[in-house]
Amino acid sequence: METLSSIQQVPAQPVKKPDHPQFGGQKSEFEINKQQEIQKSVSARMEFTTKLEQDDMEGVDENEWQE
């Protein structure tokens, strides 16, 4: 069995980032504006509430909680 020191280390190759925006490159101003427009449109359709489902539930009786 080989020891770790006997294994040759291969230098890491730098990762080249693709230039295409679909894969994480720079987005054009048109794409940024389109994304903001879509966000605004979706946000306008979504109902926003800070009420939780638990707010309508009854808790445990104080005597039961202490047991």
N, C-alpha and C. Protein backbone atom coordinates (compact mmCIF):
# COMPACT_ATOMS: atom_id res chain seq x y z
N MET A 1 0.85 -1.19 0.00
CA MET A 1 0.00 0.00 0.00
C MET A 1 0.89 1.24 0.00
N GLU A 2 0.53 2.21 -0.79
CA GLU A 2 1.33 3.43 -0.89
C GLU A 2 1.02 4.37 0.26
N THR A 3 2.03 5.08 0.68
CA THR A 3 1.81 6.10 1.70
C THR A 3 1.44 7.39 1.01
N LEU A 4 0.85 8.30 1.76
CA LEU A 4 0.43 9.58 1.17
C LEU A 4 1.61 10.35 0.60
N SER A 5 2.77 10.25 1.24
CA SER A 5 3.92 11.00 0.76
C SER A 5 4.46 10.46 -0.56
N SER A 6 4.15 9.20 -0.89
CA SER A 6 4.64 8.63 -2.13
C SER A 6 3.76 8.94 -3.33
N ILE A 7 2.58 9.48 -3.09
CA ILE A 7 1.66 9.81 -4.17
C ILE A 7 2.01 11.19 -4.72
N GLN A 8 2.14 11.28 -6.03
CA GLN A 8 2.46 12.56 -6.64
C GLN A 8 1.24 13.48 -6.61
N GLN A 9 1.50 14.71 -6.28
CA GLN A 9 0.40 15.67 -6.25
C GLN A 9 0.32 16.37 -7.60
N VAL A 10 -0.89 16.48 -8.10
CA VAL A 10 -1.13 17.16 -9.37
C VAL A 10 -1.57 18.57 -9.05
N PRO A 11 -0.91 19.57 -9.64
CA PRO A 11 -1.32 20.95 -9.36
C PRO A 11 -2.74 21.21 -9.85
N ALA A 12 -3.49 21.95 -9.05
CA ALA A 12 -4.88 22.25 -9.40
C ALA A 12 -4.93 23.21 -10.58
N GLN A 13 -5.83 22.91 -11.51
CA GLN A 13 -6.01 23.78 -12.67
C GLN A 13 -7.03 24.86 -12.33
N PRO A 14 -6.76 26.12 -12.68
CA PRO A 14 -7.75 27.16 -12.39
C PRO A 14 -9.03 26.92 -13.18
N VAL A 15 -10.15 27.18 -12.54
CA VAL A 15 -11.44 26.97 -13.17
C VAL A 15 -11.79 28.20 -13.99
N LYS A 16 -12.08 27.99 -15.26
CA LYS A 16 -12.45 29.10 -16.14
C LYS A 16 -13.95 29.28 -16.08
N LYS A 17 -14.37 30.49 -15.74
CA LYS A 17 -15.80 30.79 -15.69
C LYS A 17 -16.29 31.08 -17.09
N PRO A 18 -17.42 30.49 -17.47
CA PRO A 18 -17.96 30.76 -18.80
C PRO A 18 -18.48 32.19 -18.90
N ASP A 19 -18.41 32.72 -20.10
CA ASP A 19 -18.86 34.10 -20.33
C ASP A 19 -20.36 34.19 -20.55
N HIS A 20 -21.01 33.07 -20.81
CA HIS A 20 -22.44 33.08 -21.10
C HIS A 20 -23.22 33.35 -19.81
N PRO A 21 -24.17 34.31 -19.84
CA PRO A 21 -24.91 34.67 -18.62
C PRO A 21 -25.71 33.52 -18.03
N GLN A 22 -26.15 32.59 -18.86
CA GLN A 22 -26.93 31.47 -18.35
C GLN A 22 -26.10 30.64 -17.38
N PHE A 23 -24.82 30.66 -17.54
CA PHE A 23 -23.93 29.85 -16.71
C PHE A 23 -23.13 30.68 -15.73
N GLY A 24 -23.62 31.83 -15.33
CA GLY A 24 -22.97 32.60 -14.27
C GLY A 24 -22.10 33.75 -14.75
N GLY A 25 -22.09 34.06 -16.03
CA GLY A 25 -21.30 35.18 -16.53
C GLY A 25 -22.01 36.50 -16.25
N GLN A 26 -21.50 37.58 -16.83
CA GLN A 26 -22.10 38.89 -16.65
C GLN A 26 -23.44 38.97 -17.37
N LYS A 27 -24.41 39.59 -16.71
CA LYS A 27 -25.72 39.76 -17.33
C LYS A 27 -25.78 41.13 -18.00
N SER A 28 -26.47 41.18 -19.12
CA SER A 28 -26.62 42.44 -19.80
C SER A 28 -27.66 43.30 -19.07
N GLU A 29 -27.67 44.56 -19.37
CA GLU A 29 -28.63 45.46 -18.73
C GLU A 29 -30.06 45.05 -19.06
N PHE A 30 -30.28 44.58 -20.28
CA PHE A 30 -31.61 44.10 -20.67
C PHE A 30 -32.04 42.94 -19.78
N GLU A 31 -31.14 41.99 -19.54
CA GLU A 31 -31.49 40.83 -18.72
C GLU A 31 -31.76 41.24 -17.27
N ILE A 32 -30.98 42.17 -16.76
CA ILE A 32 -31.19 42.65 -15.39
C ILE A 32 -32.55 43.33 -15.28
N ASN A 33 -32.88 44.19 -16.25
CA ASN A 33 -34.17 44.88 -16.24
C ASN A 33 -35.33 43.89 -16.37
N LYS A 34 -35.16 42.90 -17.22
CA LYS A 34 -36.20 41.89 -17.41
C LYS A 34 -36.41 41.10 -16.12
N GLN A 35 -35.32 40.75 -15.44
CA GLN A 35 -35.42 40.01 -14.18
C GLN A 35 -36.13 40.85 -13.12
N GLN A 36 -35.82 42.13 -13.04
CA GLN A 36 -36.49 43.02 -12.08
C GLN A 36 -37.97 43.15 -12.40
N GLU A 37 -38.29 43.24 -13.68
CA GLU A 37 -39.69 43.34 -14.11
C GLU A 37 -40.47 42.08 -13.70
N ILE A 38 -39.86 40.92 -13.89
CA ILE A 38 -40.50 39.66 -13.52
C ILE A 38 -40.68 39.60 -12.01
N GLN A 39 -39.67 40.02 -11.25
CA GLN A 39 -39.77 40.02 -9.79
C GLN A 39 -40.92 40.90 -9.32
N LYS A 40 -41.04 42.07 -9.89
CA LYS A 40 -42.13 42.99 -9.51
C LYS A 40 -43.48 42.39 -9.85
N SER A 41 -43.58 41.76 -11.02
CA SER A 41 -44.84 41.16 -11.45
C SER A 41 -45.26 40.02 -10.51
N VAL A 42 -44.32 39.16 -10.17
CA VAL A 42 -44.63 38.03 -9.28
C VAL A 42 -44.95 38.54 -7.89
N SER A 43 -44.20 39.52 -7.40
CA SER A 43 -44.45 40.08 -6.08
C SER A 43 -45.83 40.72 -5.99
N ALA A 44 -46.27 41.34 -7.06
CA ALA A 44 -47.58 41.98 -7.07
C ALA A 44 -48.71 40.95 -6.98
N ARG A 45 -48.47 39.74 -7.46
CA ARG A 45 -49.49 38.69 -7.44
C ARG A 45 -49.49 37.90 -6.14
N MET A 46 -48.41 37.94 -5.41
CA MET A 46 -48.31 37.14 -4.19
C MET A 46 -48.91 37.89 -3.00
N GLU A 47 -49.60 37.12 -2.16
CA GLU A 47 -50.18 37.69 -0.95
C GLU A 47 -49.10 37.71 0.13
N PHE A 48 -48.93 38.85 0.77
CA PHE A 48 -47.93 38.98 1.82
C PHE A 48 -48.63 39.12 3.15
N THR A 49 -48.31 38.24 4.07
CA THR A 49 -48.90 38.31 5.40
C THR A 49 -47.85 37.91 6.42
N THR A 50 -47.91 38.50 7.60
CA THR A 50 -46.96 38.16 8.65
C THR A 50 -47.59 37.23 9.68
N LYS A 51 -48.82 36.79 9.42
CA LYS A 51 -49.52 35.92 10.35
C LYS A 51 -49.07 34.48 10.12
N LEU A 52 -48.83 33.76 11.21
CA LEU A 52 -48.42 32.37 11.14
C LEU A 52 -49.59 31.45 11.46
N GLU A 53 -49.52 30.23 10.97
CA GLU A 53 -50.56 29.25 11.24
C GLU A 53 -50.69 29.03 12.75
N GLN A 54 -49.59 29.08 13.46
CA GLN A 54 -49.58 28.84 14.90
C GLN A 54 -50.33 29.93 15.67
N ASP A 55 -50.49 31.10 15.08
CA ASP A 55 -51.17 32.21 15.76
C ASP A 55 -52.62 31.86 16.10
N ASP A 56 -53.24 30.98 15.33
CA ASP A 56 -54.63 30.60 15.57
C ASP A 56 -54.77 29.38 16.48
N MET A 57 -53.67 28.77 16.85
CA MET A 57 -53.72 27.57 17.66
C MET A 57 -53.73 27.92 19.15
N GLU A 58 -54.37 27.05 19.91
CA GLU A 58 -54.37 27.23 21.36
C GLU A 58 -53.15 26.53 21.92
N GLY A 59 -52.58 27.12 22.96
CA GLY A 59 -51.41 26.54 23.59
C GLY A 59 -51.79 25.51 24.63
N VAL A 60 -50.81 24.99 25.31
CA VAL A 60 -51.02 24.02 26.38
C VAL A 60 -51.44 24.77 27.63
N ASP A 61 -52.36 24.18 28.40
CA ASP A 61 -52.79 24.79 29.65
C ASP A 61 -51.57 24.95 30.56
N GLU A 62 -51.52 26.03 31.31
CA GLU A 62 -50.38 26.34 32.19
C GLU A 62 -50.07 25.19 33.15
N ASN A 63 -51.12 24.54 33.71
CA ASN A 63 -50.92 23.43 34.65
C ASN A 63 -50.27 22.23 33.95
N GLU A 64 -50.69 21.94 32.71
CA GLU A 64 -50.09 20.84 31.97
C GLU A 64 -48.65 21.14 31.61
N TRP A 65 -48.37 22.39 31.31
CA TRP A 65 -47.02 22.79 30.91
C TRP A 65 -46.03 22.57 32.06
N GLN A 66 -46.47 22.83 33.29
CA GLN A 66 -45.59 22.71 34.45
C GLN A 66 -45.31 21.26 34.83
N GLU A 67 -46.16 20.33 34.41
CA GLU A 67 -45.97 18.91 34.77
C GLU A 67 -44.81 18.27 34.11
